[in-house]
Amino acid sequence: MGILGAAWMTPEELEVSLRWIDERVQGRPYGVDVVFPGSFASLDDERDPDQILPAEQREFVRQLLDRAGIPPLPADDAKEFVREHAQKMKMTPRDSERSLEIALRHPVKFVVGAMGVPPKHIVDLVHSRGIKVGALIGSVDHAIKQKAAGTDVLIAQGSEAGGHVGKVSSMVLWPQVADAVAPMPVLAAGGIGRGRQFAAAMALGATGIWCGSIWLGTTEGELSPAMKEMLFNAKSEDAVVSRALTGKPCRILKSEYTEAWDKDGPKPLTFPLQSILAGEPLRRAERARRLDYWTYAVGQIVGDMKSETTVRQVFADLLGEYVETMEKLESLVAE
């Protein structure tokens, strides 16, 4: 089933998105991914976002883009964008619960949490609606905590994945988690975009797979053609783990912006302040068509993404290669 990422959406945007889905999926099941951050900066401060962000980090990104000759946004546009972006990036537990409340007004069948263990009252609330709860995890310790919290399904996400990741690779993580929480179902994530990887996940104890980055190169994806082209030209090594985007270890596309932070930048801010800080400079780079200073969360599967495709074609290629792989393995066993 498809999972809607509810992070980085205002309540109004989430409501619109869910209505759009309901009108088109004809009753088919879908899920919603909500962030429940384990650590975060409190954003109860009512000042403008640009006043909350420390001067050192703000000056660093300003000078970085000025030296690159990337023009600033018009003053009115910049202020409005920063305000809207800060609202989307907050993602505190209170904001996450508000997103969940909106999601539960719709016929969702699966609620997935990321970046932390959801509170017990959240798990109980979702279960009371007859809905399953999933969680993205990156270590066995995380898996055990999520199981104890009452989670129904785990998504074991190896370090190859895009976005916030742990330190353990998929090849090692998947069987570790499957063994640690058996018979609890485990979906394999991180580095999956083709059938052979699907087959490997099943062989390592997974009961299914979870794909993310591979959809970025589709016609249905949210990125512009120029942004997609950046992904198509990237190698797997260009998907690096950095704190430049969110303040937490996050696998993103390497660029001049990420390199500057990782080599010479000040200490990244606490989540989600770093995400709020990154909004304006990345928008500047996008508007100036200087995507060498732009970045986006993407996994190492980016090295296999060479040209635009469709969601339908991704499924066809993935399942076709999976069947071929399984048939080959069966023939080897028969010999």
C-alpha atoms as a PDB file:
ATOM      1  CA  MET A   1       0.000   0.000   0.000  1.00  0.00           C
ATOM      2  CA  GLY A   2       0.992   3.600  -0.406  1.00  0.00           C
ATOM      3  CA  ILE A   3       2.082   5.569   2.656  1.00  0.00           C
ATOM      4  CA  LEU A   4       1.657   9.352   2.771  1.00  0.00           C
ATOM      5  CA  GLY A   5       4.475  11.181   4.525  1.00  0.00           C
ATOM      6  CA  ALA A   6       2.646  13.612   6.797  1.00  0.00           C
ATOM      7  CA  ALA A   7       5.819  15.273   8.050  1.00  0.00           C
ATOM      8  CA  TRP A   8       6.528  18.723   6.633  1.00  0.00           C
ATOM      9  CA  MET A   9       2.824  19.358   6.002  1.00  0.00           C
ATOM     10  CA  THR A  10       0.665  21.956   7.642  1.00  0.00           C
ATOM     11  CA  PRO A  11      -2.640  20.636   9.015  1.00  0.00           C
ATOM     12  CA  GLU A  12      -4.415  22.271   6.085  1.00  0.00           C
ATOM     13  CA  GLU A  13      -2.117  20.622   3.534  1.00  0.00           C
ATOM     14  CA  LEU A  14      -2.537  17.237   5.203  1.00  0.00           C
ATOM     15  CA  GLU A  15      -6.312  17.512   5.101  1.00  0.00           C
ATOM     16  CA  VAL A  16      -6.253  18.439   1.413  1.00  0.00           C
ATOM     17  CA  SER A  17      -3.873  15.573   0.610  1.00  0.00           C
ATOM     18  CA  LEU A  18      -5.959  13.001   2.452  1.00  0.00           C
ATOM     19  CA  ARG A  19      -9.150  14.148   0.731  1.00  0.00           C
ATOM     20  CA  TRP A  20      -7.373  13.873  -2.632  1.00  0.00           C
ATOM     21  CA  ILE A  21      -6.338  10.293  -1.802  1.00  0.00           C
ATOM     22  CA  ASP A  22      -9.797   9.307  -0.575  1.00  0.00           C
ATOM     23  CA  GLU A  23     -11.355  10.516  -3.816  1.00  0.00           C
ATOM     24  CA  ARG A  24      -8.993   8.458  -5.975  1.00  0.00           C
ATOM     25  CA  VAL A  25      -8.013   5.177  -4.297  1.00  0.00           C
ATOM     26  CA  GLN A  26     -11.543   3.703  -4.480  1.00  0.00           C
ATOM     27  CA  GLY A  27     -11.437   2.279  -0.981  1.00  0.00           C
ATOM     28  CA  ARG A  28      -8.034   0.636  -1.320  1.00  0.00           C
ATOM     29  CA  PRO A  29      -5.909   0.685   1.862  1.00  0.00           C
ATOM     30  CA  TYR A  30      -3.308   3.344   2.489  1.00  0.00           C
ATOM     31  CA  GLY A  31      -1.293   4.595   5.447  1.00  0.00           C
ATOM     32  CA  VAL A  32       0.120   7.773   6.939  1.00  0.00           C
ATOM     33  CA  ASP A  33       3.650   8.332   8.254  1.00  0.00           C
ATOM     34  CA  VAL A  34       3.794  10.695  11.251  1.00  0.00           C
ATOM     35  CA  VAL A  35       6.976  11.869  12.972  1.00  0.00           C
ATOM     36  CA  PHE A  36       7.222  11.380  16.745  1.00  0.00           C
ATOM     37  CA  PRO A  37      10.671  12.855  17.445  1.00  0.00           C
ATOM     38  CA  GLY A  38      12.481  11.518  20.483  1.00  0.00           C
ATOM     39  CA  SER A  39      14.542  14.696  20.830  1.00  0.00           C
ATOM     40  CA  PHE A  40      13.647  18.145  19.570  1.00  0.00           C
ATOM     41  CA  ALA A  41      13.872  21.860  20.280  1.00  0.00           C
ATOM     42  CA  SER A  42      10.780  23.359  21.879  1.00  0.00           C
ATOM     43  CA  LEU A  43       9.177  25.947  19.608  1.00  0.00           C
ATOM     44  CA  ASP A  44       6.691  27.582  21.922  1.00  0.00           C
ATOM     45  CA  ASP A  45       8.447  30.897  21.252  1.00  0.00           C
ATOM     46  CA  GLU A  46       6.054  33.205  19.385  1.00  0.00           C
ATOM     47  CA  ARG A  47       8.762  35.345  17.777  1.00  0.00           C
ATOM     48  CA  ASP A  48       9.434  35.253  14.041  1.00  0.00           C
ATOM     49  CA  PRO A  49      11.455  32.157  13.059  1.00  0.00           C
ATOM     50  CA  ASP A  50      14.393  34.223  11.833  1.00  0.00           C
ATOM     51  CA  GLN A  51      14.664  35.734  15.314  1.00  0.00           C
ATOM     52  CA  ILE A  52      14.687  32.303  16.989  1.00  0.00           C
ATOM     53  CA  LEU A  53      17.554  30.985  14.875  1.00  0.00           C
ATOM     54  CA  PRO A  54      21.028  31.785  16.277  1.00  0.00           C
ATOM     55  CA  ALA A  55      22.968  34.517  14.506  1.00  0.00           C
ATOM     56  CA  GLU A  56      26.086  32.374  13.925  1.00  0.00           C
ATOM     57  CA  GLN A  57      24.273  29.743  11.852  1.00  0.00           C
ATOM     58  CA  ARG A  58      22.184  32.320  10.001  1.00  0.00           C
ATOM     59  CA  GLU A  59      25.267  34.303   9.055  1.00  0.00           C
ATOM     60  CA  PHE A  60      27.080  31.150   7.911  1.00  0.00           C
ATOM     61  CA  VAL A  61      24.438  30.222   5.346  1.00  0.00           C
ATOM     62  CA  ARG A  62      24.042  33.843   4.221  1.00  0.00           C
ATOM     63  CA  GLN A  63      27.756  34.243   3.556  1.00  0.00           C
ATOM     64  CA  LEU A  64      27.946  30.816   1.899  1.00  0.00           C
ATOM     65  CA  LEU A  65      25.338  31.683  -0.704  1.00  0.00           C
ATOM     66  CA  ASP A  66      26.501  35.281  -1.113  1.00  0.00           C
ATOM     67  CA  ARG A  67      30.031  34.085  -1.930  1.00  0.00           C
ATOM     68  CA  ALA A  68      28.542  31.721  -4.512  1.00  0.00           C
ATOM     69  CA  GLY A  69      26.761  34.647  -6.170  1.00  0.00           C
ATOM     70  CA  ILE A  70      23.307  33.252  -5.416  1.00  0.00           C
ATOM     71  CA  PRO A  71      20.919  36.214  -5.095  1.00  0.00           C
ATOM     72  CA  PRO A  72      18.733  36.553  -2.005  1.00  0.00           C
ATOM     73  CA  LEU A  73      14.982  36.177  -2.156  1.00  0.00           C
ATOM     74  CA  PRO A  74      12.919  39.374  -2.362  1.00  0.00           C
ATOM     75  CA  ALA A  75      12.430  40.626   1.201  1.00  0.00           C
ATOM     76  CA  ASP A  76       8.652  40.095   1.326  1.00  0.00           C
ATOM     77  CA  ASP A  77       8.890  36.657  -0.285  1.00  0.00           C
ATOM     78  CA  ALA A  78      11.681  35.628   2.059  1.00  0.00           C
ATOM     79  CA  LYS A  79       9.790  36.591   5.216  1.00  0.00           C
ATOM     80  CA  GLU A  80       6.603  34.830   4.131  1.00  0.00           C
ATOM     81  CA  PHE A  81       8.477  31.729   3.008  1.00  0.00           C
ATOM     82  CA  VAL A  82      10.438  31.484   6.259  1.00  0.00           C
ATOM     83  CA  ARG A  83       7.233  31.787   8.271  1.00  0.00           C
ATOM     84  CA  GLU A  84       5.436  29.083   6.267  1.00  0.00           C
ATOM     85  CA  HIS A  85       8.487  26.829   6.198  1.00  0.00           C
ATOM     86  CA  ALA A  86       8.933  27.097   9.969  1.00  0.00           C
ATOM     87  CA  GLN A  87       5.314  26.081  10.483  1.00  0.00           C
ATOM     88  CA  LYS A  88       5.836  22.972   8.361  1.00  0.00           C
ATOM     89  CA  MET A  89       9.143  22.032   9.948  1.00  0.00           C
ATOM     90  CA  LYS A  90       8.124  22.235  13.605  1.00  0.00           C
ATOM     91  CA  MET A  91       7.248  18.551  14.041  1.00  0.00           C
ATOM     92  CA  THR A  92       7.090  18.627  17.828  1.00  0.00           C
ATOM     93  CA  PRO A  93       5.051  15.907  19.612  1.00  0.00           C
ATOM     94  CA  ARG A  94       2.147  18.343  19.855  1.00  0.00           C
ATOM     95  CA  ASP A  95       2.225  19.005  16.130  1.00  0.00           C
ATOM     96  CA  SER A  96       2.549  15.285  15.401  1.00  0.00           C
ATOM     97  CA  GLU A  97      -0.514  14.513  17.488  1.00  0.00           C
ATOM     98  CA  ARG A  98      -2.462  17.171  15.627  1.00  0.00           C
ATOM     99  CA  SER A  99      -1.467  15.562  12.324  1.00  0.00           C
ATOM    100  CA  LEU A 100      -2.538  12.183  13.652  1.00  0.00           C
ATOM    101  CA  GLU A 101      -5.920  13.545  14.702  1.00  0.00           C
ATOM    102  CA  ILE A 102      -6.480  14.773  11.148  1.00  0.00           C
ATOM    103  CA  ALA A 103      -5.366  11.440   9.662  1.00  0.00           C
ATOM    104  CA  LEU A 104      -7.748   9.479  11.861  1.00  0.00           C
ATOM    105  CA  ARG A 105     -10.700  11.362  10.395  1.00  0.00           C
ATOM    106  CA  HIS A 106      -9.982   9.485   7.174  1.00  0.00           C
ATOM    107  CA  PRO A 107     -10.101   5.738   6.367  1.00  0.00           C
ATOM    108  CA  VAL A 108      -6.379   5.109   6.924  1.00  0.00           C
ATOM    109  CA  LYS A 109      -5.410   1.482   7.610  1.00  0.00           C
ATOM    110  CA  PHE A 110      -1.822   1.923   8.795  1.00  0.00           C
ATOM    111  CA  VAL A 111      -0.149   4.598  10.942  1.00  0.00           C
ATOM    112  CA  VAL A 112       3.644   4.658  10.934  1.00  0.00           C
ATOM    113  CA  GLY A 113       5.857   6.566  13.353  1.00  0.00           C
ATOM    114  CA  ALA A 114       9.408   7.741  12.716  1.00  0.00           C
ATOM    115  CA  MET A 115      12.303   9.195  14.742  1.00  0.00           C
ATOM    116  CA  GLY A 116      11.104   7.936  18.111  1.00  0.00           C
ATOM    117  CA  VAL A 117       8.782   5.703  20.108  1.00  0.00           C
ATOM    118  CA  PRO A 118       5.184   6.939  19.994  1.00  0.00           C
ATOM    119  CA  PRO A 119       3.623   7.561  23.423  1.00  0.00           C
ATOM    120  CA  LYS A 120       1.414   4.793  24.785  1.00  0.00           C
ATOM    121  CA  HIS A 121      -1.732   6.900  24.525  1.00  0.00           C
ATOM    122  CA  ILE A 122      -1.035   7.352  20.815  1.00  0.00           C
ATOM    123  CA  VAL A 123      -0.642   3.627  20.225  1.00  0.00           C
ATOM    124  CA  ASP A 124      -3.791   2.931  22.241  1.00  0.00           C
ATOM    125  CA  LEU A 125      -5.731   5.569  20.307  1.00  0.00           C
ATOM    126  CA  VAL A 126      -4.766   4.116  16.926  1.00  0.00           C
ATOM    127  CA  HIS A 127      -5.477   0.561  18.064  1.00  0.00           C
ATOM    128  CA  SER A 128      -8.885   1.636  19.356  1.00  0.00           C
ATOM    129  CA  ARG A 129      -9.778   2.503  15.753  1.00  0.00           C
ATOM    130  CA  GLY A 130      -8.763  -0.960  14.552  1.00  0.00           C
ATOM    131  CA  ILE A 131      -5.683   0.416  12.808  1.00  0.00           C
ATOM    132  CA  LYS A 132      -2.223  -1.161  12.837  1.00  0.00           C
ATOM    133  CA  VAL A 133       0.804   0.784  14.082  1.00  0.00           C
ATOM    134  CA  GLY A 134       4.213   0.604  12.413  1.00  0.00           C
ATOM    135  CA  ALA A 135       7.578   2.144  13.251  1.00  0.00           C
ATOM    136  CA  LEU A 136      10.754   2.913  11.340  1.00  0.00           C
ATOM    137  CA  ILE A 137      13.793   1.704  13.269  1.00  0.00           C
ATOM    138  CA  GLY A 138      17.537   1.522  12.671  1.00  0.00           C
ATOM    139  CA  SER A 139      18.812  -0.812  15.372  1.00  0.00           C
ATOM    140  CA  VAL A 140      17.850  -3.859  17.405  1.00  0.00           C
ATOM    141  CA  ASP A 141      17.556  -1.693  20.530  1.00  0.00           C
ATOM    142  CA  HIS A 142      15.043   0.522  18.747  1.00  0.00           C
ATOM    143  CA  ALA A 143      13.138  -2.556  17.589  1.00  0.00           C
ATOM    144  CA  ILE A 144      12.815  -3.945  21.107  1.00  0.00           C
ATOM    145  CA  LYS A 145      11.583  -0.605  22.463  1.00  0.00           C
ATOM    146  CA  GLN A 146       8.990  -0.306  19.712  1.00  0.00           C
ATOM    147  CA  LYS A 147       7.759  -3.840  20.310  1.00  0.00           C
ATOM    148  CA  ALA A 148       7.390  -3.096  24.025  1.00  0.00           C
ATOM    149  CA  ALA A 149       5.378   0.023  23.140  1.00  0.00           C
ATOM    150  CA  GLY A 150       2.810  -2.111  21.334  1.00  0.00           C
ATOM    151  CA  THR A 151       3.826  -1.503  17.736  1.00  0.00           C
ATOM    152  CA  ASP A 152       2.418  -4.083  15.301  1.00  0.00           C
ATOM    153  CA  VAL A 153       4.896  -3.885  12.417  1.00  0.00           C
ATOM    154  CA  LEU A 154       8.524  -2.774  12.238  1.00  0.00           C
ATOM    155  CA  ILE A 155      10.255  -1.217   9.256  1.00  0.00           C
ATOM    156  CA  ALA A 156      13.937  -2.085   9.656  1.00  0.00           C
ATOM    157  CA  GLN A 157      15.713   0.694   7.790  1.00  0.00           C
ATOM    158  CA  GLY A 158      19.361   0.112   6.973  1.00  0.00           C
ATOM    159  CA  SER A 159      21.895   2.894   6.770  1.00  0.00           C
ATOM    160  CA  GLU A 160      21.682   2.925   2.951  1.00  0.00           C
ATOM    161  CA  ALA A 161      18.252   4.559   3.175  1.00  0.00           C
ATOM    162  CA  GLY A 162      17.452   8.176   2.493  1.00  0.00           C
ATOM    163  CA  GLY A 163      16.471  10.489   5.320  1.00  0.00           C
ATOM    164  CA  HIS A 164      17.178   9.904   8.997  1.00  0.00           C
ATOM    165  CA  VAL A 165      19.198   6.729   9.381  1.00  0.00           C
ATOM    166  CA  GLY A 166      21.107   4.659  11.894  1.00  0.00           C
ATOM    167  CA  LYS A 167      24.574   3.172  11.533  1.00  0.00           C
ATOM    168  CA  VAL A 168      23.826  -0.461  10.645  1.00  0.00           C
ATOM    169  CA  SER A 169      23.618  -1.602   7.025  1.00  0.00           C
ATOM    170  CA  SER A 170      20.576  -3.406   5.685  1.00  0.00           C
ATOM    171  CA  MET A 171      22.401  -6.706   5.144  1.00  0.00           C
ATOM    172  CA  VAL A 172      23.188  -6.880   8.864  1.00  0.00           C
ATOM    173  CA  LEU A 173      20.155  -5.090  10.293  1.00  0.00           C
ATOM    174  CA  TRP A 174      17.335  -7.019   8.629  1.00  0.00           C
ATOM    175  CA  PRO A 175      18.115 -10.485  10.011  1.00  0.00           C
ATOM    176  CA  GLN A 176      19.078  -9.064  13.401  1.00  0.00           C
ATOM    177  CA  VAL A 177      15.722  -7.338  13.797  1.00  0.00           C
ATOM    178  CA  ALA A 178      13.738 -10.255  12.363  1.00  0.00           C
ATOM    179  CA  ASP A 179      15.321 -12.594  14.921  1.00  0.00           C
ATOM    180  CA  ALA A 180      14.993 -10.155  17.826  1.00  0.00           C
ATOM    181  CA  VAL A 181      11.238  -9.564  17.480  1.00  0.00           C
ATOM    182  CA  ALA A 182      10.004 -12.806  15.868  1.00  0.00           C
ATOM    183  CA  PRO A 183       7.214 -13.596  15.074  1.00  0.00           C
ATOM    184  CA  MET A 184       6.468  -9.884  14.727  1.00  0.00           C
ATOM    185  CA  PRO A 185       6.368  -8.895  11.021  1.00  0.00           C
ATOM    186  CA  VAL A 186       9.334  -6.874   9.757  1.00  0.00           C
ATOM    187  CA  LEU A 187       9.453  -4.874   6.538  1.00  0.00           C
ATOM    188  CA  ALA A 188      12.901  -4.344   5.044  1.00  0.00           C
ATOM    189  CA  ALA A 189      13.894  -0.807   4.038  1.00  0.00           C
ATOM    190  CA  GLY A 190      17.090   0.882   2.939  1.00  0.00           C
ATOM    191  CA  GLY A 191      18.636   0.323  -0.480  1.00  0.00           C
ATOM    192  CA  ILE A 192      15.647  -1.366  -2.112  1.00  0.00           C
ATOM    193  CA  GLY A 193      14.660  -0.378  -5.618  1.00  0.00           C
ATOM    194  CA  ARG A 194      14.916  -3.555  -7.671  1.00  0.00           C
ATOM    195  CA  GLY A 195      13.849  -7.174  -7.563  1.00  0.00           C
ATOM    196  CA  ARG A 196      17.135  -8.709  -6.493  1.00  0.00           C
ATOM    197  CA  GLN A 197      17.153  -6.512  -3.419  1.00  0.00           C
ATOM    198  CA  PHE A 198      13.535  -7.516  -2.749  1.00  0.00           C
ATOM    199  CA  ALA A 199      14.537 -11.191  -2.915  1.00  0.00           C
ATOM    200  CA  ALA A 200      17.509 -10.584  -0.626  1.00  0.00           C
ATOM    201  CA  ALA A 201      15.263  -8.924   1.947  1.00  0.00           C
ATOM    202  CA  MET A 202      12.900 -11.893   1.977  1.00  0.00           C
ATOM    203  CA  ALA A 203      15.831 -14.316   2.285  1.00  0.00           C
ATOM    204  CA  LEU A 204      17.102 -12.359   5.297  1.00  0.00           C
ATOM    205  CA  GLY A 205      13.866 -12.775   7.235  1.00  0.00           C
ATOM    206  CA  ALA A 206      11.675  -9.876   6.150  1.00  0.00           C
ATOM    207  CA  THR A 207       7.968 -10.359   5.514  1.00  0.00           C
ATOM    208  CA  GLY A 208       7.843  -7.538   2.980  1.00  0.00           C
ATOM    209  CA  ILE A 209       9.623  -4.418   1.794  1.00  0.00           C
ATOM    210  CA  TRP A 210       9.322  -0.647   2.178  1.00  0.00           C
ATOM    211  CA  CYS A 211      10.590   1.619  -0.611  1.00  0.00           C
ATOM    212  CA  GLY A 212      11.129   5.369  -0.506  1.00  0.00           C
ATOM    213  CA  SER A 213      13.857   6.959  -2.612  1.00  0.00           C
ATOM    214  CA  ILE A 214      13.004   5.040  -5.777  1.00  0.00           C
ATOM    215  CA  TRP A 215       9.763   7.030  -6.171  1.00  0.00           C
ATOM    216  CA  LEU A 216      11.631  10.344  -6.439  1.00  0.00           C
ATOM    217  CA  GLY A 217      12.544   9.649 -10.056  1.00  0.00           C
ATOM    218  CA  THR A 218       8.989   8.993 -11.223  1.00  0.00           C
ATOM    219  CA  THR A 219       6.702  11.300 -13.158  1.00  0.00           C
ATOM    220  CA  GLU A 220       4.387  11.230 -10.141  1.00  0.00           C
ATOM    221  CA  GLY A 221       7.180  12.412  -7.828  1.00  0.00           C
ATOM    222  CA  GLU A 222       7.221  15.895  -6.317  1.00  0.00           C
ATOM    223  CA  LEU A 223      10.610  17.043  -7.627  1.00  0.00           C
ATOM    224  CA  SER A 224      11.079  19.344 -10.597  1.00  0.00           C
ATOM    225  CA  PRO A 225      12.701  17.991 -13.784  1.00  0.00           C
ATOM    226  CA  ALA A 226      15.951  19.801 -12.920  1.00  0.00           C
ATOM    227  CA  MET A 227      15.977  18.285  -9.427  1.00  0.00           C
ATOM    228  CA  LYS A 228      15.330  14.818 -10.818  1.00  0.00           C
ATOM    229  CA  GLU A 229      18.214  15.317 -13.222  1.00  0.00           C
ATOM    230  CA  MET A 230      20.497  15.952 -10.236  1.00  0.00           C
ATOM    231  CA  LEU A 231      19.490  12.550  -8.877  1.00  0.00           C
ATOM    232  CA  PHE A 232      19.921  10.812 -12.235  1.00  0.00           C
ATOM    233  CA  ASN A 233      23.477  12.147 -12.499  1.00  0.00           C
ATOM    234  CA  ALA A 234      24.411  11.091  -8.958  1.00  0.00           C
ATOM    235  CA  LYS A 235      26.323   8.012  -7.863  1.00  0.00           C
ATOM    236  CA  SER A 236      25.519   5.982  -4.778  1.00  0.00           C
ATOM    237  CA  GLU A 237      28.511   7.623  -3.080  1.00  0.00           C
ATOM    238  CA  ASP A 238      26.823  10.999  -3.529  1.00  0.00           C
ATOM    239  CA  ALA A 239      24.100  10.058  -1.025  1.00  0.00           C
ATOM    240  CA  VAL A 240      25.911  11.051   2.171  1.00  0.00           C
ATOM    241  CA  VAL A 241      25.031  11.159   5.857  1.00  0.00           C
ATOM    242  CA  SER A 242      25.065  14.754   7.085  1.00  0.00           C
ATOM    243  CA  ARG A 243      23.486  16.936   9.759  1.00  0.00           C
ATOM    244  CA  ALA A 244      23.267  19.882   7.373  1.00  0.00           C
ATOM    245  CA  LEU A 245      19.597  19.428   6.525  1.00  0.00           C
ATOM    246  CA  THR A 246      17.904  18.576   9.838  1.00  0.00           C
ATOM    247  CA  GLY A 247      20.488  18.584  12.614  1.00  0.00           C
ATOM    248  CA  LYS A 248      20.180  14.785  12.894  1.00  0.00           C
ATOM    249  CA  PRO A 249      22.158  12.207  10.880  1.00  0.00           C
ATOM    250  CA  CYS A 250      20.302  12.228   7.581  1.00  0.00           C
ATOM    251  CA  ARG A 251      21.273  10.685   4.235  1.00  0.00           C
ATOM    252  CA  ILE A 252      20.955  13.390   1.595  1.00  0.00           C
ATOM    253  CA  LEU A 253      22.355  14.324  -1.791  1.00  0.00           C
ATOM    254  CA  LYS A 254      25.860  15.746  -1.504  1.00  0.00           C
ATOM    255  CA  SER A 255      26.201  19.336  -2.681  1.00  0.00           C
ATOM    256  CA  GLU A 256      28.233  22.462  -2.082  1.00  0.00           C
ATOM    257  CA  TYR A 257      25.788  23.311   0.710  1.00  0.00           C
ATOM    258  CA  THR A 258      26.203  20.007   2.560  1.00  0.00           C
ATOM    259  CA  GLU A 259      29.954  19.960   2.014  1.00  0.00           C
ATOM    260  CA  ALA A 260      30.319  23.433   3.502  1.00  0.00           C
ATOM    261  CA  TRP A 261      28.428  22.423   6.638  1.00  0.00           C
ATOM    262  CA  ASP A 262      30.305  19.166   7.043  1.00  0.00           C
ATOM    263  CA  LYS A 263      33.755  20.675   6.528  1.00  0.00           C
ATOM    264  CA  ASP A 264      33.663  24.233   7.853  1.00  0.00           C
ATOM    265  CA  GLY A 265      30.242  24.894   9.298  1.00  0.00           C
ATOM    266  CA  PRO A 266      29.280  25.781  12.868  1.00  0.00           C
ATOM    267  CA  LYS A 267      27.586  23.208  15.068  1.00  0.00           C
ATOM    268  CA  PRO A 268      24.258  22.217  13.477  1.00  0.00           C
ATOM    269  CA  LEU A 269      21.184  23.265  15.408  1.00  0.00           C
ATOM    270  CA  THR A 270      18.861  20.943  17.276  1.00  0.00           C
ATOM    271  CA  PHE A 271      16.019  19.405  15.295  1.00  0.00           C
ATOM    272  CA  PRO A 272      13.837  20.998  13.919  1.00  0.00           C
ATOM    273  CA  LEU A 273      15.697  24.353  14.066  1.00  0.00           C
ATOM    274  CA  GLN A 274      18.271  23.155  11.531  1.00  0.00           C
ATOM    275  CA  SER A 275      15.441  22.198   9.163  1.00  0.00           C
ATOM    276  CA  ILE A 276      13.936  25.666   9.540  1.00  0.00           C
ATOM    277  CA  LEU A 277      17.334  27.258   8.925  1.00  0.00           C
ATOM    278  CA  ALA A 278      17.892  25.232   5.734  1.00  0.00           C
ATOM    279  CA  GLY A 279      14.659  26.315   4.086  1.00  0.00           C
ATOM    280  CA  GLU A 280      15.591  29.802   2.910  1.00  0.00           C
ATOM    281  CA  PRO A 281      19.075  29.012   1.477  1.00  0.00           C
ATOM    282  CA  LEU A 282      17.783  25.953  -0.374  1.00  0.00           C
ATOM    283  CA  ARG A 283      14.930  28.003  -1.817  1.00  0.00           C
ATOM    284  CA  ARG A 284      17.465  30.639  -2.895  1.00  0.00           C
ATOM    285  CA  ALA A 285      19.490  27.973  -4.680  1.00  0.00           C
ATOM    286  CA  GLU A 286      16.388  26.527  -6.327  1.00  0.00           C
ATOM    287  CA  ARG A 287      15.135  29.894  -7.622  1.00  0.00           C
ATOM    288  CA  ALA A 288      18.571  30.815  -8.957  1.00  0.00           C
ATOM    289  CA  ARG A 289      18.837  27.393 -10.626  1.00  0.00           C
ATOM    290  CA  ARG A 290      22.001  26.741  -8.671  1.00  0.00           C
ATOM    291  CA  LEU A 291      21.172  23.183  -7.707  1.00  0.00           C
ATOM    292  CA  ASP A 292      24.830  22.584  -6.888  1.00  0.00           C
ATOM    293  CA  TYR A 293      23.842  24.291  -3.597  1.00  0.00           C
ATOM    294  CA  TRP A 294      20.594  22.330  -3.237  1.00  0.00           C
ATOM    295  CA  THR A 295      20.020  18.986  -1.504  1.00  0.00           C
ATOM    296  CA  TYR A 296      17.277  16.473  -0.822  1.00  0.00           C
ATOM    297  CA  ALA A 297      16.887  13.328   1.263  1.00  0.00           C
ATOM    298  CA  VAL A 298      17.724  10.294  -0.894  1.00  0.00           C
ATOM    299  CA  GLY A 299      19.249   6.874  -0.307  1.00  0.00           C
ATOM    300  CA  GLN A 300      22.133   5.095  -1.971  1.00  0.00           C
ATOM    301  CA  ILE A 301      19.727   3.499  -4.456  1.00  0.00           C
ATOM    302  CA  VAL A 302      20.101   6.849  -6.252  1.00  0.00           C
ATOM    303  CA  GLY A 303      23.001   5.236  -8.143  1.00  0.00           C
ATOM    304  CA  ASP A 304      20.478   2.993  -9.915  1.00  0.00           C
ATOM    305  CA  MET A 305      18.149   5.860 -10.862  1.00  0.00           C
ATOM    306  CA  LYS A 306      19.170   6.912 -14.370  1.00  0.00           C
ATOM    307  CA  SER A 307      16.089   8.427 -16.006  1.00  0.00           C
ATOM    308  CA  GLU A 308      12.491   9.350 -15.315  1.00  0.00           C
ATOM    309  CA  THR A 309      10.028   6.483 -15.055  1.00  0.00           C
ATOM    310  CA  THR A 310       6.575   5.885 -13.586  1.00  0.00           C
ATOM    311  CA  VAL A 311       5.316   4.253 -10.411  1.00  0.00           C
ATOM    312  CA  ARG A 312       3.685   1.573 -12.541  1.00  0.00           C
ATOM    313  CA  GLN A 313       6.962   0.836 -14.322  1.00  0.00           C
ATOM    314  CA  VAL A 314       8.909   0.688 -11.058  1.00  0.00           C
ATOM    315  CA  PHE A 315       6.495  -1.965  -9.794  1.00  0.00           C
ATOM    316  CA  ALA A 316       6.687  -3.917 -13.056  1.00  0.00           C
ATOM    317  CA  ASP A 317      10.498  -3.885 -13.104  1.00  0.00           C
ATOM    318  CA  LEU A 318      10.792  -4.692  -9.399  1.00  0.00           C
ATOM    319  CA  LEU A 319       8.355  -7.611  -9.474  1.00  0.00           C
ATOM    320  CA  GLY A 320       9.690  -8.935 -12.770  1.00  0.00           C
ATOM    321  CA  GLU A 321      13.265  -9.050 -11.515  1.00  0.00           C
ATOM    322  CA  TYR A 322      12.072 -10.552  -8.220  1.00  0.00           C
ATOM    323  CA  VAL A 323      10.379 -13.458 -10.045  1.00  0.00           C
ATOM    324  CA  GLU A 324      13.430 -14.009 -12.249  1.00  0.00           C
ATOM    325  CA  THR A 325      15.689 -14.031  -9.189  1.00  0.00           C
ATOM    326  CA  MET A 326      13.541 -16.506  -7.293  1.00  0.00           C
ATOM    327  CA  GLU A 327      13.352 -18.803 -10.313  1.00  0.00           C
ATOM    328  CA  LYS A 328      17.120 -18.682 -10.665  1.00  0.00           C
ATOM    329  CA  LEU A 329      17.612 -19.509  -7.005  1.00  0.00           C
ATOM    330  CA  GLU A 330      15.157 -22.388  -7.221  1.00  0.00           C
ATOM    331  CA  SER A 331      17.036 -23.804 -10.199  1.00  0.00           C
ATOM    332  CA  LEU A 332      20.317 -23.587  -8.303  1.00  0.00           C
ATOM    333  CA  VAL A 333      18.809 -25.459  -5.363  1.00  0.00           C
ATOM    334  CA  ALA A 334      17.379 -28.088  -7.709  1.00  0.00           C
ATOM    335  CA  GLU A 335      20.832 -28.737  -9.147  1.00  0.00           C
END
